[in-house]
Amino acid sequence: MAEDKRESKRDEKGTMTVQEAGRKGGMKTAQTHGRDFYEAIGHKGGQKVKELIEEGKKAKALHAEKQ
């Protein structure tokens, strides 16, 4: 039933679904950039999260000192 809904929406608009577009873009990115690209952006993301956690800990400590 859900398949029929997607098919009819696709036929009405004549375009692909958001899911299909995302999959197509992801596959193209993987072909273009390769494994090293994903490792690098994963590392950058992890470093950013680490920085944000440290900033949150500092802010919490400052807030506790003020009280």
PDB file of N, CA and C in Angstrom:
ATOM      1  N   MET A   1       0.820  -1.196   0.000  1.00  0.00           N
ATOM      2  CA  MET A   1       0.000   0.000   0.000  1.00  0.00           C
ATOM      3  C   MET A   1       0.861   1.255   0.000  1.00  0.00           C
ATOM      4  N   ALA A   2       1.898   1.294   0.883  1.00  0.00           N
ATOM      5  CA  ALA A   2       2.779   2.461   0.921  1.00  0.00           C
ATOM      6  C   ALA A   2       3.517   2.607  -0.404  1.00  0.00           C
ATOM      7  N   GLU A   3       3.832   1.488  -1.011  1.00  0.00           N
ATOM      8  CA  GLU A   3       4.512   1.501  -2.318  1.00  0.00           C
ATOM      9  C   GLU A   3       3.632   2.170  -3.368  1.00  0.00           C
ATOM     10  N   ASP A   4       2.338   1.877  -3.319  1.00  0.00           N
ATOM     11  CA  ASP A   4       1.406   2.466  -4.284  1.00  0.00           C
ATOM     12  C   ASP A   4       1.326   3.976  -4.121  1.00  0.00           C
ATOM     13  N   LYS A   5       1.344   4.457  -2.872  1.00  0.00           N
ATOM     14  CA  LYS A   5       1.291   5.897  -2.618  1.00  0.00           C
ATOM     15  C   LYS A   5       2.508   6.584  -3.217  1.00  0.00           C
ATOM     16  N   ARG A   6       3.698   6.001  -2.994  1.00  0.00           N
ATOM     17  CA  ARG A   6       4.920   6.590  -3.529  1.00  0.00           C
ATOM     18  C   ARG A   6       4.890   6.622  -5.045  1.00  0.00           C
ATOM     19  N   GLU A   7       4.422   5.555  -5.633  1.00  0.00           N
ATOM     20  CA  GLU A   7       4.358   5.485  -7.099  1.00  0.00           C
ATOM     21  C   GLU A   7       3.422   6.551  -7.644  1.00  0.00           C
ATOM     22  N   SER A   8       2.247   6.717  -7.006  1.00  0.00           N
ATOM     23  CA  SER A   8       1.294   7.691  -7.518  1.00  0.00           C
ATOM     24  C   SER A   8       1.816   9.115  -7.329  1.00  0.00           C
ATOM     25  N   LYS A   9       2.472   9.401  -6.213  1.00  0.00           N
ATOM     26  CA  LYS A   9       3.040  10.735  -6.005  1.00  0.00           C
ATOM     27  C   LYS A   9       4.120  11.014  -7.036  1.00  0.00           C
ATOM     28  N   ARG A  10       4.953  10.020  -7.296  1.00  0.00           N
ATOM     29  CA  ARG A  10       6.031  10.192  -8.263  1.00  0.00           C
ATOM     30  C   ARG A  10       5.449  10.453  -9.646  1.00  0.00           C
ATOM     31  N   ASP A  11       4.385   9.742  -9.992  1.00  0.00           N
ATOM     32  CA  ASP A  11       3.759   9.923 -11.300  1.00  0.00           C
ATOM     33  C   ASP A  11       3.123  11.302 -11.426  1.00  0.00           C
ATOM     34  N   GLU A  12       2.519  11.789 -10.332  1.00  0.00           N
ATOM     35  CA  GLU A  12       1.868  13.094 -10.353  1.00  0.00           C
ATOM     36  C   GLU A  12       2.873  14.212 -10.588  1.00  0.00           C
ATOM     37  N   LYS A  13       3.992  14.168  -9.893  1.00  0.00           N
ATOM     38  CA  LYS A  13       4.970  15.243  -9.968  1.00  0.00           C
ATOM     39  C   LYS A  13       5.998  15.010 -11.062  1.00  0.00           C
ATOM     40  N   GLY A  14       6.211  13.757 -11.423  1.00  0.00           N
ATOM     41  CA  GLY A  14       7.212  13.445 -12.434  1.00  0.00           C
ATOM     42  C   GLY A  14       8.631  13.554 -11.914  1.00  0.00           C
ATOM     43  N   THR A  15       8.813  13.511 -10.598  1.00  0.00           N
ATOM     44  CA  THR A  15      10.145  13.608  -9.997  1.00  0.00           C
ATOM     45  C   THR A  15      10.366  12.456  -9.048  1.00  0.00           C
ATOM     46  N   MET A  16      11.575  12.361  -8.550  1.00  0.00           N
ATOM     47  CA  MET A  16      11.889  11.297  -7.600  1.00  0.00           C
ATOM     48  C   MET A  16      11.539  11.735  -6.180  1.00  0.00           C
ATOM     49  N   THR A  17      11.445  10.771  -5.278  1.00  0.00           N
ATOM     50  CA  THR A  17      11.153  11.087  -3.886  1.00  0.00           C
ATOM     51  C   THR A  17      12.407  11.655  -3.226  1.00  0.00           C
ATOM     52  N   VAL A  18      12.224  12.240  -2.068  1.00  0.00           N
ATOM     53  CA  VAL A  18      13.355  12.778  -1.317  1.00  0.00           C
ATOM     54  C   VAL A  18      14.318  11.645  -0.956  1.00  0.00           C
ATOM     55  N   GLN A  19      13.776  10.511  -0.587  1.00  0.00           N
ATOM     56  CA  GLN A  19      14.601   9.360  -0.240  1.00  0.00           C
ATOM     57  C   GLN A  19      15.439   8.919  -1.438  1.00  0.00           C
ATOM     58  N   GLU A  20      14.823   8.855  -2.601  1.00  0.00           N
ATOM     59  CA  GLU A  20      15.559   8.460  -3.804  1.00  0.00           C
ATOM     60  C   GLU A  20      16.645   9.476  -4.152  1.00  0.00           C
ATOM     61  N   ALA A  21      16.335  10.756  -4.002  1.00  0.00           N
ATOM     62  CA  ALA A  21      17.314  11.807  -4.296  1.00  0.00           C
ATOM     63  C   ALA A  21      18.487  11.721  -3.332  1.00  0.00           C
ATOM     64  N   GLY A  22      18.207  11.482  -2.059  1.00  0.00           N
ATOM     65  CA  GLY A  22      19.274  11.344  -1.059  1.00  0.00           C
ATOM     66  C   GLY A  22      20.163  10.155  -1.340  1.00  0.00           C
ATOM     67  N   ARG A  23      19.553   9.046  -1.701  1.00  0.00           N
ATOM     68  CA  ARG A  23      20.324   7.843  -2.011  1.00  0.00           C
ATOM     69  C   ARG A  23      21.208   8.083  -3.236  1.00  0.00           C
ATOM     70  N   LYS A  24      20.632   8.710  -4.258  1.00  0.00           N
ATOM     71  CA  LYS A  24      21.380   8.984  -5.486  1.00  0.00           C
ATOM     72  C   LYS A  24      22.566   9.921  -5.200  1.00  0.00           C
ATOM     73  N   GLY A  25      22.328  10.969  -4.418  1.00  0.00           N
ATOM     74  CA  GLY A  25      23.400  11.903  -4.063  1.00  0.00           C
ATOM     75  C   GLY A  25      24.475  11.250  -3.221  1.00  0.00           C
ATOM     76  N   GLY A  26      24.066  10.411  -2.295  1.00  0.00           N
ATOM     77  CA  GLY A  26      25.028   9.716  -1.440  1.00  0.00           C
ATOM     78  C   GLY A  26      25.903   8.758  -2.226  1.00  0.00           C
ATOM     79  N   MET A  27      25.295   8.057  -3.160  1.00  0.00           N
ATOM     80  CA  MET A  27      26.068   7.128  -3.988  1.00  0.00           C
ATOM     81  C   MET A  27      27.069   7.884  -4.859  1.00  0.00           C
ATOM     82  N   LYS A  28      26.654   9.013  -5.412  1.00  0.00           N
ATOM     83  CA  LYS A  28      27.539   9.812  -6.258  1.00  0.00           C
ATOM     84  C   LYS A  28      28.702  10.367  -5.434  1.00  0.00           C
ATOM     85  N   THR A  29      28.410  10.836  -4.230  1.00  0.00           N
ATOM     86  CA  THR A  29      29.459  11.354  -3.352  1.00  0.00           C
ATOM     87  C   THR A  29      30.450  10.252  -3.007  1.00  0.00           C
ATOM     88  N   ALA A  30      29.951   9.071  -2.717  1.00  0.00           N
ATOM     89  CA  ALA A  30      30.828   7.952  -2.385  1.00  0.00           C
ATOM     90  C   ALA A  30      31.728   7.592  -3.562  1.00  0.00           C
ATOM     91  N   GLN A  31      31.179   7.611  -4.770  1.00  0.00           N
ATOM     92  CA  GLN A  31      31.980   7.311  -5.955  1.00  0.00           C
ATOM     93  C   GLN A  31      33.018   8.396  -6.213  1.00  0.00           C
ATOM     94  N   THR A  32      32.639   9.649  -6.012  1.00  0.00           N
ATOM     95  CA  THR A  32      33.511  10.775  -6.304  1.00  0.00           C
ATOM     96  C   THR A  32      34.638  10.916  -5.286  1.00  0.00           C
ATOM     97  N   HIS A  33      34.315  10.809  -4.000  1.00  0.00           N
ATOM     98  CA  HIS A  33      35.282  11.120  -2.947  1.00  0.00           C
ATOM     99  C   HIS A  33      35.952   9.913  -2.313  1.00  0.00           C
ATOM    100  N   GLY A  34      35.250   8.828  -2.167  1.00  0.00           N
ATOM    101  CA  GLY A  34      35.837   7.622  -1.605  1.00  0.00           C
ATOM    102  C   GLY A  34      35.904   7.595  -0.089  1.00  0.00           C
ATOM    103  N   ARG A  35      36.513   6.554   0.424  1.00  0.00           N
ATOM    104  CA  ARG A  35      36.568   6.265   1.855  1.00  0.00           C
ATOM    105  C   ARG A  35      37.299   7.345   2.656  1.00  0.00           C
ATOM    106  N   ASP A  36      38.401   7.848   2.139  1.00  0.00           N
ATOM    107  CA  ASP A  36      39.187   8.843   2.866  1.00  0.00           C
ATOM    108  C   ASP A  36      38.359  10.091   3.190  1.00  0.00           C
ATOM    109  N   PHE A  37      37.506  10.475   2.271  1.00  0.00           N
ATOM    110  CA  PHE A  37      36.636  11.634   2.476  1.00  0.00           C
ATOM    111  C   PHE A  37      35.745  11.411   3.690  1.00  0.00           C
ATOM    112  N   TYR A  38      35.109  10.256   3.762  1.00  0.00           N
ATOM    113  CA  TYR A  38      34.209   9.972   4.871  1.00  0.00           C
ATOM    114  C   TYR A  38      34.967   9.859   6.194  1.00  0.00           C
ATOM    115  N   GLU A  39      36.166   9.310   6.164  1.00  0.00           N
ATOM    116  CA  GLU A  39      36.982   9.241   7.380  1.00  0.00           C
ATOM    117  C   GLU A  39      37.336  10.642   7.863  1.00  0.00           C
ATOM    118  N   ALA A  40      37.702  11.521   6.941  1.00  0.00           N
ATOM    119  CA  ALA A  40      38.097  12.884   7.309  1.00  0.00           C
ATOM    120  C   ALA A  40      36.915  13.662   7.889  1.00  0.00           C
ATOM    121  N   ILE A  41      35.745  13.594   7.242  1.00  0.00           N
ATOM    122  CA  ILE A  41      34.617  14.365   7.762  1.00  0.00           C
ATOM    123  C   ILE A  41      34.109  13.762   9.072  1.00  0.00           C
ATOM    124  N   GLY A  42      34.233  12.459   9.238  1.00  0.00           N
ATOM    125  CA  GLY A  42      33.861  11.830  10.501  1.00  0.00           C
ATOM    126  C   GLY A  42      34.762  12.288  11.629  1.00  0.00           C
ATOM    127  N   HIS A  43      36.054  12.398  11.342  1.00  0.00           N
ATOM    128  CA  HIS A  43      37.014  12.861  12.348  1.00  0.00           C
ATOM    129  C   HIS A  43      36.724  14.319  12.714  1.00  0.00           C
ATOM    130  N   LYS A  44      36.483  15.158  11.710  1.00  0.00           N
ATOM    131  CA  LYS A  44      36.165  16.567  11.971  1.00  0.00           C
ATOM    132  C   LYS A  44      34.919  16.686  12.851  1.00  0.00           C
ATOM    133  N   GLY A  45      33.907  15.898  12.541  1.00  0.00           N
ATOM    134  CA  GLY A  45      32.677  15.930  13.338  1.00  0.00           C
ATOM    135  C   GLY A  45      32.918  15.500  14.766  1.00  0.00           C
ATOM    136  N   GLY A  46      33.710  14.465  14.940  1.00  0.00           N
ATOM    137  CA  GLY A  46      34.038  13.992  16.290  1.00  0.00           C
ATOM    138  C   GLY A  46      34.802  15.029  17.083  1.00  0.00           C
ATOM    139  N   GLN A  47      35.734  15.722  16.436  1.00  0.00           N
ATOM    140  CA  GLN A  47      36.501  16.765  17.105  1.00  0.00           C
ATOM    141  C   GLN A  47      35.591  17.918  17.525  1.00  0.00           C
ATOM    142  N   LYS A  48      34.650  18.279  16.683  1.00  0.00           N
ATOM    143  CA  LYS A  48      33.717  19.365  16.999  1.00  0.00           C
ATOM    144  C   LYS A  48      32.857  18.996  18.199  1.00  0.00           C
ATOM    145  N   VAL A  49      32.386  17.761  18.239  1.00  0.00           N
ATOM    146  CA  VAL A  49      31.581  17.307  19.370  1.00  0.00           C
ATOM    147  C   VAL A  49      32.410  17.368  20.646  1.00  0.00           C
ATOM    148  N   LYS A  50      33.647  16.938  20.571  1.00  0.00           N
ATOM    149  CA  LYS A  50      34.548  16.978  21.727  1.00  0.00           C
ATOM    150  C   LYS A  50      34.706  18.415  22.234  1.00  0.00           C
ATOM    151  N   GLU A  51      34.908  19.362  21.310  1.00  0.00           N
ATOM    152  CA  GLU A  51      35.042  20.776  21.684  1.00  0.00           C
ATOM    153  C   GLU A  51      33.763  21.289  22.352  1.00  0.00           C
ATOM    154  N   LEU A  52      32.628  20.946  21.789  1.00  0.00           N
ATOM    155  CA  LEU A  52      31.355  21.406  22.340  1.00  0.00           C
ATOM    156  C   LEU A  52      31.112  20.851  23.739  1.00  0.00           C
ATOM    157  N   ILE A  53      31.505  19.612  23.968  1.00  0.00           N
ATOM    158  CA  ILE A  53      31.362  19.014  25.300  1.00  0.00           C
ATOM    159  C   ILE A  53      32.231  19.754  26.300  1.00  0.00           C
ATOM    160  N   GLU A  54      33.462  20.055  25.912  1.00  0.00           N
ATOM    161  CA  GLU A  54      34.363  20.805  26.798  1.00  0.00           C
ATOM    162  C   GLU A  54      33.803  22.191  27.105  1.00  0.00           C
ATOM    163  N   GLU A  55      33.278  22.880  26.100  1.00  0.00           N
ATOM    164  CA  GLU A  55      32.682  24.197  26.317  1.00  0.00           C
ATOM    165  C   GLU A  55      31.494  24.107  27.272  1.00  0.00           C
ATOM    166  N   GLY A  56      30.698  23.061  27.121  1.00  0.00           N
ATOM    167  CA  GLY A  56      29.550  22.862  28.005  1.00  0.00           C
ATOM    168  C   GLY A  56      29.979  22.623  29.436  1.00  0.00           C
ATOM    169  N   LYS A  57      31.052  21.856  29.624  1.00  0.00           N
ATOM    170  CA  LYS A  57      31.557  21.602  30.976  1.00  0.00           C
ATOM    171  C   LYS A  57      32.062  22.891  31.609  1.00  0.00           C
ATOM    172  N   LYS A  58      32.770  23.720  30.832  1.00  0.00           N
ATOM    173  CA  LYS A  58      33.273  24.995  31.354  1.00  0.00           C
ATOM    174  C   LYS A  58      32.118  25.920  31.731  1.00  0.00           C
ATOM    175  N   ALA A  59      31.109  25.988  30.873  1.00  0.00           N
ATOM    176  CA  ALA A  59      29.954  26.844  31.143  1.00  0.00           C
ATOM    177  C   ALA A  59      29.223  26.372  32.396  1.00  0.00           C
ATOM    178  N   LYS A  60      29.112  25.082  32.559  1.00  0.00           N
ATOM    179  CA  LYS A  60      28.436  24.538  33.729  1.00  0.00           C
ATOM    180  C   LYS A  60      29.216  24.877  34.995  1.00  0.00           C
ATOM    181  N   ALA A  61      30.550  24.770  34.918  1.00  0.00           N
ATOM    182  CA  ALA A  61      31.382  25.088  36.085  1.00  0.00           C
ATOM    183  C   ALA A  61      31.265  26.569  36.429  1.00  0.00           C
ATOM    184  N   LEU A  62      31.259  27.449  35.436  1.00  0.00           N
ATOM    185  CA  LEU A  62      31.111  28.881  35.698  1.00  0.00           C
ATOM    186  C   LEU A  62      29.761  29.193  36.324  1.00  0.00           C
ATOM    187  N   HIS A  63      28.737  28.533  35.816  1.00  0.00           N
ATOM    188  CA  HIS A  63      27.395  28.730  36.337  1.00  0.00           C
ATOM    189  C   HIS A  63      27.322  28.279  37.793  1.00  0.00           C
ATOM    190  N   ALA A  64      27.962  27.174  38.134  1.00  0.00           N
ATOM    191  CA  ALA A  64      27.950  26.652  39.500  1.00  0.00           C
ATOM    192  C   ALA A  64      28.710  27.585  40.440  1.00  0.00           C
ATOM    193  N   GLU A  65      29.775  28.227  39.958  1.00  0.00           N
ATOM    194  CA  GLU A  65      30.544  29.163  40.786  1.00  0.00           C
ATOM    195  C   GLU A  65      29.728  30.400  41.126  1.00  0.00           C
ATOM    196  N   LYS A  66      28.883  30.846  40.201  1.00  0.00           N
ATOM    197  CA  LYS A  66      28.085  32.052  40.413  1.00  0.00           C
ATOM    198  C   LYS A  66      26.983  31.838  41.448  1.00  0.00           C
ATOM    199  N   GLN A  67      26.572  30.605  41.658  1.00  0.00           N
ATOM    200  CA  GLN A  67      25.462  30.338  42.568  1.00  0.00           C
ATOM    201  C   GLN A  67      25.928  30.167  43.956  1.00  0.00           C
TER     202      GLN A  67
END
